[in-house]
Amino acid sequence: MHNNATNLRLRVIIVEDEAPARAKLTSQLAKLHEVQVITECSTATYAIEQINALKPDVVLLDIELGELSGFDVLAAIEQPCHVIFTTAYNQYAVKAFEKQALDYLLKPFDLNRLRQALDRAVINNTAISAEPSKPLMAKVGDKVHVLQTSAIHFISTQQGMVMARCADRSYHLNANLESIVSDLPRSFLRVHRNCIVNTDHVSQLEKWQSGAMLLRFDDIPDSVTTSRRGALALKNYLNL
C-alpha cells in the first residue's frame, strides 16, 4: 500500500461467516503493515453492532451471511466507512456499486488485488478524515454554547437528559444519543447504552472482574463505567 503521503493506518473489520475464509483474509491483511484488523465478525447481527461501535475505516464484507445478507449489514451501518464486498458471487456486483461500495472482490482474490482495493480506501479516506466534526449546541439559560467535540470528555444520559461533560462543567444537549453518535468523530466510542466517551481524553482504564471497565479522564474527577460489551469494544478499538 502507498499511504505515506496521507499517514493513515486503516482500521479494518472483517465480516465473513466461514472460518477458513476469515483466516485467509486475516493472513493476507497481516502482510500489510498499514492495516489494523480491529475485529472479526461471523454473523451479520454481530457485524452491525461492531461496525456501529468501533467506527472502522473499512469493512471487508461477505454477502451470503445466513439469514441476513451483506446488504442488510450495509443498510444498518450508522457510521460512515468504506465497504469492500468479498464474495464468490458475481451477480451482486451491480447492486453493490449502486449501494456505493468502494470495491467488489471476487473470491478467490490474491494479495495484490486486495492491496489495490485498500489503496483506493486510503485515497478516499483522506477526504473523510479531513472533514471537521460538527459542534454540538448546548443551551444554558438564555445563552447557547457551541461545544467543539474535541473539548467533550463524554456524553451520557442522566435522569432522562443528555449531558456533555467538558473540563469546566456539564452541558445539557437537546438531543438523544442515537441522533448524536453519527455526527461525532471516530475518537468517540459507545461504551454503554447510556454513554459515549471521547477516547482522546481517557487517561486510565481499570478492569473489573465482571468484565466491565472503569474509565478515568485526564483533567476531570468524573469516571465512567462501561458495560461488558462496551469494555470489549474499547479493547478492540485500542487494540489491547
C-alpha atoms as a PDB file:
ATOM      1  CA  MET A   1       0.000   0.000   0.000  1.00  0.00           C
ATOM      2  CA  HIS A   2       1.151   3.551  -0.658  1.00  0.00           C
ATOM      3  CA  ASN A   3      -0.219   5.761   2.068  1.00  0.00           C
ATOM      4  CA  ASN A   4       2.886   7.604   3.204  1.00  0.00           C
ATOM      5  CA  ALA A   5       1.517  10.881   1.918  1.00  0.00           C
ATOM      6  CA  THR A   6      -1.617  10.604   3.952  1.00  0.00           C
ATOM      7  CA  ASN A   7      -0.030   8.947   7.007  1.00  0.00           C
ATOM      8  CA  LEU A   8      -3.144   6.870   7.591  1.00  0.00           C
ATOM      9  CA  ARG A   9      -3.463   3.426   9.085  1.00  0.00           C
ATOM     10  CA  LEU A  10      -6.661   1.740   8.002  1.00  0.00           C
ATOM     11  CA  ARG A  11      -8.764   0.231  10.768  1.00  0.00           C
ATOM     12  CA  VAL A  12     -10.490  -2.781   9.235  1.00  0.00           C
ATOM     13  CA  ILE A  13     -13.343  -5.070  10.277  1.00  0.00           C
ATOM     14  CA  ILE A  14     -13.731  -8.461   8.606  1.00  0.00           C
ATOM     15  CA  VAL A  15     -17.264  -9.813   8.153  1.00  0.00           C
ATOM     16  CA  GLU A  16     -17.183 -13.418   6.966  1.00  0.00           C
ATOM     17  CA  ASP A  17     -19.236 -16.381   8.164  1.00  0.00           C
ATOM     18  CA  GLU A  18     -16.827 -19.110   7.005  1.00  0.00           C
ATOM     19  CA  ALA A  19     -13.866 -19.669   9.306  1.00  0.00           C
ATOM     20  CA  PRO A  20     -11.370 -20.718   6.570  1.00  0.00           C
ATOM     21  CA  ALA A  21     -12.184 -17.607   4.526  1.00  0.00           C
ATOM     22  CA  ARG A  22     -11.801 -15.402   7.623  1.00  0.00           C
ATOM     23  CA  ALA A  23      -8.448 -16.996   8.405  1.00  0.00           C
ATOM     24  CA  LYS A  24      -7.192 -16.490   4.848  1.00  0.00           C
ATOM     25  CA  LEU A  25      -8.252 -12.850   4.805  1.00  0.00           C
ATOM     26  CA  THR A  26      -6.662 -12.232   8.201  1.00  0.00           C
ATOM     27  CA  SER A  27      -3.445 -13.813   6.963  1.00  0.00           C
ATOM     28  CA  GLN A  28      -3.434 -11.603   3.869  1.00  0.00           C
ATOM     29  CA  LEU A  29      -4.036  -8.451   5.867  1.00  0.00           C
ATOM     30  CA  ALA A  30      -1.258  -9.351   8.301  1.00  0.00           C
ATOM     31  CA  LYS A  31       1.160  -8.803   5.420  1.00  0.00           C
ATOM     32  CA  LEU A  32       0.012  -5.203   5.015  1.00  0.00           C
ATOM     33  CA  HIS A  33       1.596  -3.136   7.775  1.00  0.00           C
ATOM     34  CA  GLU A  34      -0.639  -0.130   7.073  1.00  0.00           C
ATOM     35  CA  VAL A  35      -3.720  -2.145   8.096  1.00  0.00           C
ATOM     36  CA  GLN A  36      -5.044  -2.909  11.576  1.00  0.00           C
ATOM     37  CA  VAL A  37      -7.752  -5.566  11.883  1.00  0.00           C
ATOM     38  CA  ILE A  38      -9.771  -4.387  14.883  1.00  0.00           C
ATOM     39  CA  THR A  39     -12.227  -7.290  14.985  1.00  0.00           C
ATOM     40  CA  GLU A  40     -13.686 -10.203  13.020  1.00  0.00           C
ATOM     41  CA  CYS A  41     -17.405 -10.976  12.726  1.00  0.00           C
ATOM     42  CA  SER A  42     -19.019 -14.255  11.723  1.00  0.00           C
ATOM     43  CA  THR A  43     -22.647 -13.080  11.750  1.00  0.00           C
ATOM     44  CA  ALA A  44     -24.474 -10.104  10.291  1.00  0.00           C
ATOM     45  CA  THR A  45     -26.009  -9.121  13.633  1.00  0.00           C
ATOM     46  CA  TYR A  46     -22.645  -9.013  15.389  1.00  0.00           C
ATOM     47  CA  ALA A  47     -21.150  -7.150  12.427  1.00  0.00           C
ATOM     48  CA  ILE A  48     -23.746  -4.376  12.632  1.00  0.00           C
ATOM     49  CA  GLU A  49     -23.096  -3.992  16.346  1.00  0.00           C
ATOM     50  CA  GLN A  50     -19.315  -3.886  15.975  1.00  0.00           C
ATOM     51  CA  ILE A  51     -19.259  -1.552  12.967  1.00  0.00           C
ATOM     52  CA  ASN A  52     -21.502   0.959  14.695  1.00  0.00           C
ATOM     53  CA  ALA A  53     -19.483   0.712  17.915  1.00  0.00           C
ATOM     54  CA  LEU A  54     -15.921   0.703  16.571  1.00  0.00           C
ATOM     55  CA  LYS A  55     -16.280   3.059  13.573  1.00  0.00           C
ATOM     56  CA  PRO A  56     -13.804   1.338  11.241  1.00  0.00           C
ATOM     57  CA  ASP A  57     -12.317   2.917   8.142  1.00  0.00           C
ATOM     58  CA  VAL A  58     -13.043  -0.156   6.029  1.00  0.00           C
ATOM     59  CA  VAL A  59     -15.374  -3.151   6.257  1.00  0.00           C
ATOM     60  CA  LEU A  60     -14.493  -6.232   4.234  1.00  0.00           C
ATOM     61  CA  LEU A  61     -17.982  -7.628   3.846  1.00  0.00           C
ATOM     62  CA  ASP A  62     -19.176 -11.003   2.607  1.00  0.00           C
ATOM     63  CA  ILE A  63     -22.636 -11.093   1.010  1.00  0.00           C
ATOM     64  CA  GLU A  64     -24.009 -14.513   1.969  1.00  0.00           C
ATOM     65  CA  LEU A  65     -24.213 -14.402   5.778  1.00  0.00           C
ATOM     66  CA  GLY A  66     -27.113 -16.685   6.616  1.00  0.00           C
ATOM     67  CA  GLU A  67     -30.469 -15.139   7.482  1.00  0.00           C
ATOM     68  CA  LEU A  68     -29.197 -11.628   6.801  1.00  0.00           C
ATOM     69  CA  SER A  69     -27.045 -10.550   3.877  1.00  0.00           C
ATOM     70  CA  GLY A  70     -24.142  -8.159   3.485  1.00  0.00           C
ATOM     71  CA  PHE A  71     -26.627  -5.686   2.023  1.00  0.00           C
ATOM     72  CA  ASP A  72     -28.636  -5.865   5.255  1.00  0.00           C
ATOM     73  CA  VAL A  73     -25.456  -5.028   7.149  1.00  0.00           C
ATOM     74  CA  LEU A  74     -24.754  -2.138   4.806  1.00  0.00           C
ATOM     75  CA  ALA A  75     -28.260  -0.743   5.330  1.00  0.00           C
ATOM     76  CA  ALA A  76     -27.851  -0.858   9.125  1.00  0.00           C
ATOM     77  CA  ILE A  77     -24.469   0.877   9.338  1.00  0.00           C
ATOM     78  CA  GLU A  78     -24.795   4.205  11.140  1.00  0.00           C
ATOM     79  CA  GLN A  79     -21.164   5.298  10.791  1.00  0.00           C
ATOM     80  CA  PRO A  80     -19.516   6.457   7.559  1.00  0.00           C
ATOM     81  CA  CYS A  81     -16.992   3.898   6.382  1.00  0.00           C
ATOM     82  CA  HIS A  82     -15.807   2.277   3.190  1.00  0.00           C
ATOM     83  CA  VAL A  83     -17.292  -1.099   2.270  1.00  0.00           C
ATOM     84  CA  ILE A  84     -15.442  -3.613   0.117  1.00  0.00           C
ATOM     85  CA  PHE A  85     -17.507  -6.657  -0.722  1.00  0.00           C
ATOM     86  CA  THR A  86     -15.715 -10.022  -0.712  1.00  0.00           C
ATOM     87  CA  THR A  87     -17.813 -12.746  -2.292  1.00  0.00           C
ATOM     88  CA  ALA A  88     -17.825 -15.776  -4.568  1.00  0.00           C
ATOM     89  CA  TYR A  89     -20.891 -14.491  -6.458  1.00  0.00           C
ATOM     90  CA  ASN A  90     -20.564 -12.048  -9.338  1.00  0.00           C
ATOM     91  CA  GLN A  91     -24.320 -11.411  -9.784  1.00  0.00           C
ATOM     92  CA  TYR A  92     -24.411  -8.864  -6.954  1.00  0.00           C
ATOM     93  CA  ALA A  93     -21.764  -6.518  -8.387  1.00  0.00           C
ATOM     94  CA  VAL A  94     -24.159  -4.011  -9.954  1.00  0.00           C
ATOM     95  CA  LYS A  95     -26.229  -3.782  -6.772  1.00  0.00           C
ATOM     96  CA  ALA A  96     -23.071  -3.405  -4.692  1.00  0.00           C
ATOM     97  CA  PHE A  97     -21.870  -0.380  -6.640  1.00  0.00           C
ATOM     98  CA  GLU A  98     -25.375   1.089  -6.623  1.00  0.00           C
ATOM     99  CA  LYS A  99     -25.061   0.955  -2.827  1.00  0.00           C
ATOM    100  CA  GLN A 100     -21.807   2.951  -3.054  1.00  0.00           C
ATOM    101  CA  ALA A 101     -19.464   0.040  -2.334  1.00  0.00           C
ATOM    102  CA  LEU A 102     -15.828   1.031  -2.752  1.00  0.00           C
ATOM    103  CA  ASP A 103     -14.868  -2.227  -4.461  1.00  0.00           C
ATOM    104  CA  TYR A 104     -16.095  -5.736  -5.197  1.00  0.00           C
ATOM    105  CA  LEU A 105     -13.640  -8.614  -4.786  1.00  0.00           C
ATOM    106  CA  LEU A 106     -14.488 -11.970  -6.283  1.00  0.00           C
ATOM    107  CA  LYS A 107     -13.138 -14.975  -4.385  1.00  0.00           C
ATOM    108  CA  PRO A 108     -10.531 -16.237  -4.675  1.00  0.00           C
ATOM    109  CA  PHE A 109      -8.589 -12.973  -4.874  1.00  0.00           C
ATOM    110  CA  ASP A 110      -4.872 -12.573  -4.291  1.00  0.00           C
ATOM    111  CA  LEU A 111      -2.952 -10.161  -2.086  1.00  0.00           C
ATOM    112  CA  ASN A 112      -2.279  -7.715  -4.924  1.00  0.00           C
ATOM    113  CA  ARG A 113      -5.998  -7.384  -5.706  1.00  0.00           C
ATOM    114  CA  LEU A 114      -6.762  -6.860  -2.024  1.00  0.00           C
ATOM    115  CA  ARG A 115      -3.997  -4.263  -1.749  1.00  0.00           C
ATOM    116  CA  GLN A 116      -5.419  -2.454  -4.779  1.00  0.00           C
ATOM    117  CA  ALA A 117      -8.837  -2.205  -3.133  1.00  0.00           C
ATOM    118  CA  LEU A 118      -7.360  -0.953   0.130  1.00  0.00           C
ATOM    119  CA  ASP A 119      -5.222   1.616  -1.707  1.00  0.00           C
ATOM    120  CA  ARG A 120      -8.477   3.059  -3.012  1.00  0.00           C
ATOM    121  CA  ALA A 121      -9.717   3.209   0.563  1.00  0.00           C
ATOM    122  CA  VAL A 122      -6.605   5.138   1.635  1.00  0.00           C
ATOM    123  CA  ILE A 123      -7.159   7.722  -1.103  1.00  0.00           C
ATOM    124  CA  ASN A 124     -10.844   8.108  -0.292  1.00  0.00           C
ATOM    125  CA  ASN A 125     -10.282   8.015   3.453  1.00  0.00           C
ATOM    126  CA  THR A 126      -8.229  11.201   3.285  1.00  0.00           C
ATOM    127  CA  ALA A 127     -11.368  13.163   2.482  1.00  0.00           C
ATOM    128  CA  ILE A 128     -13.348  11.541   5.307  1.00  0.00           C
ATOM    129  CA  SER A 129     -10.588  12.144   7.841  1.00  0.00           C
ATOM    130  CA  ALA A 130     -10.270  15.767   6.760  1.00  0.00           C
ATOM    131  CA  GLU A 131     -13.916  16.552   7.379  1.00  0.00           C
ATOM    132  CA  PRO A 132     -14.286  18.672  10.548  1.00  0.00           C
ATOM    133  CA  SER A 133     -16.666  17.312  13.136  1.00  0.00           C
ATOM    134  CA  LYS A 134     -19.850  19.232  13.753  1.00  0.00           C
ATOM    135  CA  PRO A 135     -20.005  21.200  17.004  1.00  0.00           C
ATOM    136  CA  LEU A 136     -22.853  20.491  19.424  1.00  0.00           C
ATOM    137  CA  MET A 137     -25.211  23.143  20.746  1.00  0.00           C
ATOM    138  CA  ALA A 138     -25.996  23.409  24.453  1.00  0.00           C
ATOM    139  CA  LYS A 139     -28.472  25.840  25.981  1.00  0.00           C
ATOM    140  CA  VAL A 140     -27.605  27.403  29.339  1.00  0.00           C
ATOM    141  CA  GLY A 141     -30.275  29.860  30.462  1.00  0.00           C
ATOM    142  CA  ASP A 142     -30.814  32.344  27.650  1.00  0.00           C
ATOM    143  CA  LYS A 143     -27.469  31.552  26.030  1.00  0.00           C
ATOM    144  CA  VAL A 144     -26.479  28.907  23.514  1.00  0.00           C
ATOM    145  CA  HIS A 145     -22.994  27.429  23.929  1.00  0.00           C
ATOM    146  CA  VAL A 146     -21.160  25.971  20.945  1.00  0.00           C
ATOM    147  CA  LEU A 147     -19.283  22.852  22.100  1.00  0.00           C
ATOM    148  CA  GLN A 148     -16.393  21.635  19.996  1.00  0.00           C
ATOM    149  CA  THR A 149     -16.308  17.837  20.134  1.00  0.00           C
ATOM    150  CA  SER A 150     -12.594  17.869  20.972  1.00  0.00           C
ATOM    151  CA  ALA A 151     -13.469  19.552  24.291  1.00  0.00           C
ATOM    152  CA  ILE A 152     -16.011  16.896  25.285  1.00  0.00           C
ATOM    153  CA  HIS A 153     -14.836  14.069  27.563  1.00  0.00           C
ATOM    154  CA  PHE A 154     -18.014  12.014  27.426  1.00  0.00           C
ATOM    155  CA  ILE A 155     -21.722  12.280  26.676  1.00  0.00           C
ATOM    156  CA  SER A 156     -24.199  10.450  28.883  1.00  0.00           C
ATOM    157  CA  THR A 157     -27.869  10.189  29.713  1.00  0.00           C
ATOM    158  CA  GLN A 158     -28.650  11.358  33.258  1.00  0.00           C
ATOM    159  CA  GLN A 159     -32.205  11.380  34.607  1.00  0.00           C
ATOM    160  CA  GLY A 160     -33.610  11.471  31.106  1.00  0.00           C
ATOM    161  CA  MET A 161     -31.333  14.302  29.937  1.00  0.00           C
ATOM    162  CA  VAL A 162     -28.341  14.046  27.601  1.00  0.00           C
ATOM    163  CA  MET A 163     -25.318  15.766  29.149  1.00  0.00           C
ATOM    164  CA  ALA A 164     -21.946  16.572  27.577  1.00  0.00           C
ATOM    165  CA  ARG A 165     -19.123  16.628  30.160  1.00  0.00           C
ATOM    166  CA  CYS A 166     -16.387  19.142  29.422  1.00  0.00           C
ATOM    167  CA  ALA A 167     -13.471  20.249  31.586  1.00  0.00           C
ATOM    168  CA  ASP A 168     -15.355  23.177  33.116  1.00  0.00           C
ATOM    169  CA  ARG A 169     -18.854  21.713  33.576  1.00  0.00           C
ATOM    170  CA  SER A 170     -21.601  19.538  32.112  1.00  0.00           C
ATOM    171  CA  TYR A 171     -23.860  20.910  29.391  1.00  0.00           C
ATOM    172  CA  HIS A 172     -27.410  19.849  28.582  1.00  0.00           C
ATOM    173  CA  LEU A 173     -27.882  18.826  24.940  1.00  0.00           C
ATOM    174  CA  ASN A 174     -31.314  18.998  23.355  1.00  0.00           C
ATOM    175  CA  ALA A 175     -30.887  15.684  21.544  1.00  0.00           C
ATOM    176  CA  ASN A 176     -30.658  11.937  22.155  1.00  0.00           C
ATOM    177  CA  LEU A 177     -27.602   9.711  21.982  1.00  0.00           C
ATOM    178  CA  GLU A 178     -28.763   7.963  18.824  1.00  0.00           C
ATOM    179  CA  SER A 179     -29.003  11.220  16.894  1.00  0.00           C
ATOM    180  CA  ILE A 180     -25.668  12.487  18.211  1.00  0.00           C
ATOM    181  CA  VAL A 181     -23.475   9.458  17.644  1.00  0.00           C
ATOM    182  CA  SER A 182     -23.425   9.654  13.836  1.00  0.00           C
ATOM    183  CA  ASP A 183     -22.126  13.243  13.963  1.00  0.00           C
ATOM    184  CA  LEU A 184     -19.261  12.529  16.350  1.00  0.00           C
ATOM    185  CA  PRO A 185     -15.671  11.949  15.194  1.00  0.00           C
ATOM    186  CA  ARG A 186     -14.151   8.497  15.342  1.00  0.00           C
ATOM    187  CA  SER A 187     -12.480   9.081  18.684  1.00  0.00           C
ATOM    188  CA  PHE A 188     -15.923   8.772  20.324  1.00  0.00           C
ATOM    189  CA  LEU A 189     -16.920   5.257  21.299  1.00  0.00           C
ATOM    190  CA  ARG A 190     -20.157   3.983  22.807  1.00  0.00           C
ATOM    191  CA  VAL A 191     -19.143   2.063  25.918  1.00  0.00           C
ATOM    192  CA  HIS A 192     -22.601   1.752  27.448  1.00  0.00           C
ATOM    193  CA  ARG A 193     -26.121   2.159  26.136  1.00  0.00           C
ATOM    194  CA  ASN A 194     -26.235   5.412  28.125  1.00  0.00           C
ATOM    195  CA  CYS A 195     -22.718   6.712  27.490  1.00  0.00           C
ATOM    196  CA  ILE A 196     -20.324   7.679  24.686  1.00  0.00           C
ATOM    197  CA  VAL A 197     -16.721   8.539  25.600  1.00  0.00           C
ATOM    198  CA  ASN A 198     -14.077  10.526  23.786  1.00  0.00           C
ATOM    199  CA  THR A 199     -11.148   8.109  23.831  1.00  0.00           C
ATOM    200  CA  ASP A 200      -8.725  11.007  23.289  1.00  0.00           C
ATOM    201  CA  HIS A 201      -9.409  12.098  26.879  1.00  0.00           C
ATOM    202  CA  VAL A 202      -9.293   8.671  28.568  1.00  0.00           C
ATOM    203  CA  SER A 203      -6.214   8.510  30.795  1.00  0.00           C
ATOM    204  CA  GLN A 204      -6.760   5.288  32.760  1.00  0.00           C
ATOM    205  CA  LEU A 205      -8.616   2.004  32.342  1.00  0.00           C
ATOM    206  CA  GLU A 206      -9.363  -0.204  35.334  1.00  0.00           C
ATOM    207  CA  LYS A 207     -10.527  -3.736  34.550  1.00  0.00           C
ATOM    208  CA  TRP A 208     -13.172  -5.264  36.764  1.00  0.00           C
ATOM    209  CA  GLN A 209     -13.774  -8.964  37.376  1.00  0.00           C
ATOM    210  CA  SER A 210     -17.257  -8.594  35.900  1.00  0.00           C
ATOM    211  CA  GLY A 211     -15.685  -7.827  32.523  1.00  0.00           C
ATOM    212  CA  ALA A 212     -16.615  -4.139  32.673  1.00  0.00           C
ATOM    213  CA  MET A 213     -14.113  -1.278  32.967  1.00  0.00           C
ATOM    214  CA  LEU A 214     -13.828   1.925  34.960  1.00  0.00           C
ATOM    215  CA  LEU A 215     -12.575   4.812  32.804  1.00  0.00           C
ATOM    216  CA  ARG A 216     -10.849   7.893  34.190  1.00  0.00           C
ATOM    217  CA  PHE A 217     -10.099  11.068  32.274  1.00  0.00           C
ATOM    218  CA  ASP A 218      -7.165  13.441  32.012  1.00  0.00           C
ATOM    219  CA  ASP A 219      -8.456  16.595  33.713  1.00  0.00           C
ATOM    220  CA  ILE A 220     -11.831  15.920  35.347  1.00  0.00           C
ATOM    221  CA  PRO A 221     -12.688  13.939  38.504  1.00  0.00           C
ATOM    222  CA  ASP A 222     -15.596  12.093  36.889  1.00  0.00           C
ATOM    223  CA  SER A 223     -15.322   8.450  35.877  1.00  0.00           C
ATOM    224  CA  VAL A 224     -17.374   6.225  33.556  1.00  0.00           C
ATOM    225  CA  THR A 225     -18.252   2.570  33.994  1.00  0.00           C
ATOM    226  CA  THR A 226     -18.576   0.587  30.778  1.00  0.00           C
ATOM    227  CA  SER A 227     -20.782  -2.406  30.151  1.00  0.00           C
ATOM    228  CA  ARG A 228     -19.064  -5.732  29.444  1.00  0.00           C
ATOM    229  CA  ARG A 229     -19.842  -5.288  25.762  1.00  0.00           C
ATOM    230  CA  GLY A 230     -18.567  -1.716  25.907  1.00  0.00           C
ATOM    231  CA  ALA A 231     -15.341  -2.864  27.512  1.00  0.00           C
ATOM    232  CA  LEU A 232     -14.816  -5.354  24.708  1.00  0.00           C
ATOM    233  CA  ALA A 233     -15.500  -2.661  22.105  1.00  0.00           C
ATOM    234  CA  LEU A 234     -12.960  -0.387  23.813  1.00  0.00           C
ATOM    235  CA  LYS A 235     -10.325  -3.123  23.910  1.00  0.00           C
ATOM    236  CA  ASN A 236     -10.855  -3.770  20.208  1.00  0.00           C
ATOM    237  CA  TYR A 237     -10.741  -0.063  19.430  1.00  0.00           C
ATOM    238  CA  LEU A 238      -7.489   0.448  21.358  1.00  0.00           C
ATOM    239  CA  ASN A 239      -6.058  -2.864  20.136  1.00  0.00           C
ATOM    240  CA  LEU A 240      -5.482  -4.069  23.721  1.00  0.00           C
END
